[in-house]
Amino acid sequence: MFQLWNKRNRNKIGLDVAIEALRDCLRQRKATMDELWDAATVCRMSKVIRPYLEAMV
């Protein structure tokens, strides 16, 4: 997911789509919060995604 919503594609893929993907991922138990955070860190998106992950807790 983070590969799709990186710096180059942020304007093409809306914030609403990204948040919906995060919710679906958590709801379907495809990944835990920790796994999402690790993926965001690897993709250098941790500062961007932090407020959204914190709001979902």
Protein backbone atom coordinates (compact mmCIF):
# COMPACT_ATOMS: atom_id res chain seq x y z
CA MET A 1 0.00 0.00 0.00
CA PHE A 2 2.76 2.44 0.87
CA GLN A 3 4.35 1.91 -2.50
CA LEU A 4 1.18 3.20 -4.12
CA TRP A 5 0.93 6.22 -1.85
CA ASN A 6 4.50 7.46 -1.98
CA LYS A 7 5.70 10.97 -2.64
CA ARG A 8 5.29 10.77 -6.42
CA ASN A 9 1.77 9.37 -6.41
CA ARG A 10 0.21 11.18 -3.46
CA ASN A 11 -1.66 13.59 -5.71
CA LYS A 12 -2.97 10.81 -7.95
CA ILE A 13 -4.26 8.60 -5.15
CA GLY A 14 -6.40 10.59 -2.78
CA LEU A 15 -6.12 10.65 0.97
CA ASP A 16 -9.58 9.11 1.28
CA VAL A 17 -8.47 6.08 -0.73
CA ALA A 18 -5.34 5.66 1.38
CA ILE A 19 -7.27 5.87 4.66
CA GLU A 20 -9.87 3.42 3.38
CA ALA A 21 -7.08 0.99 2.44
CA LEU A 22 -5.60 1.28 5.94
CA ARG A 23 -8.99 0.61 7.54
CA ASP A 24 -9.65 -2.37 5.28
CA CYS A 25 -6.23 -3.80 6.00
CA LEU A 26 -6.81 -3.60 9.74
CA ARG A 27 -10.43 -4.76 9.57
CA GLN A 28 -9.58 -7.83 7.49
CA ARG A 29 -6.60 -8.55 9.74
CA LYS A 30 -4.19 -8.62 6.83
CA ALA A 31 -1.66 -6.72 8.93
CA THR A 32 -1.29 -5.50 12.46
CA MET A 33 -0.58 -1.92 13.47
CA ASP A 34 3.04 -2.88 14.12
CA GLU A 35 3.41 -4.43 10.67
CA LEU A 36 1.93 -1.32 9.06
CA TRP A 37 4.31 0.87 11.04
CA ASP A 38 7.29 -1.28 10.03
CA ALA A 39 6.28 -1.09 6.36
CA ALA A 40 5.85 2.68 6.60
CA THR A 41 9.30 3.00 8.13
CA VAL A 42 10.90 0.91 5.40
CA CYS A 43 9.16 2.97 2.72
CA ARG A 44 10.11 6.24 4.48
CA MET A 45 6.46 7.14 5.03
CA SER A 46 6.40 6.93 8.83
CA LYS A 47 6.14 10.69 9.43
CA VAL A 48 3.33 10.98 6.91
CA ILE A 49 1.32 7.97 8.03
CA ARG A 50 1.76 8.43 11.82
CA PRO A 51 -1.27 10.72 12.39
CA TYR A 52 -3.56 8.37 10.48
CA LEU A 53 -2.40 5.28 12.34
CA GLU A 54 -2.72 7.08 15.68
CA ALA A 55 -6.25 8.18 14.84
CA MET A 56 -7.28 4.59 14.14
CA VAL A 57 -6.23 3.35 17.57
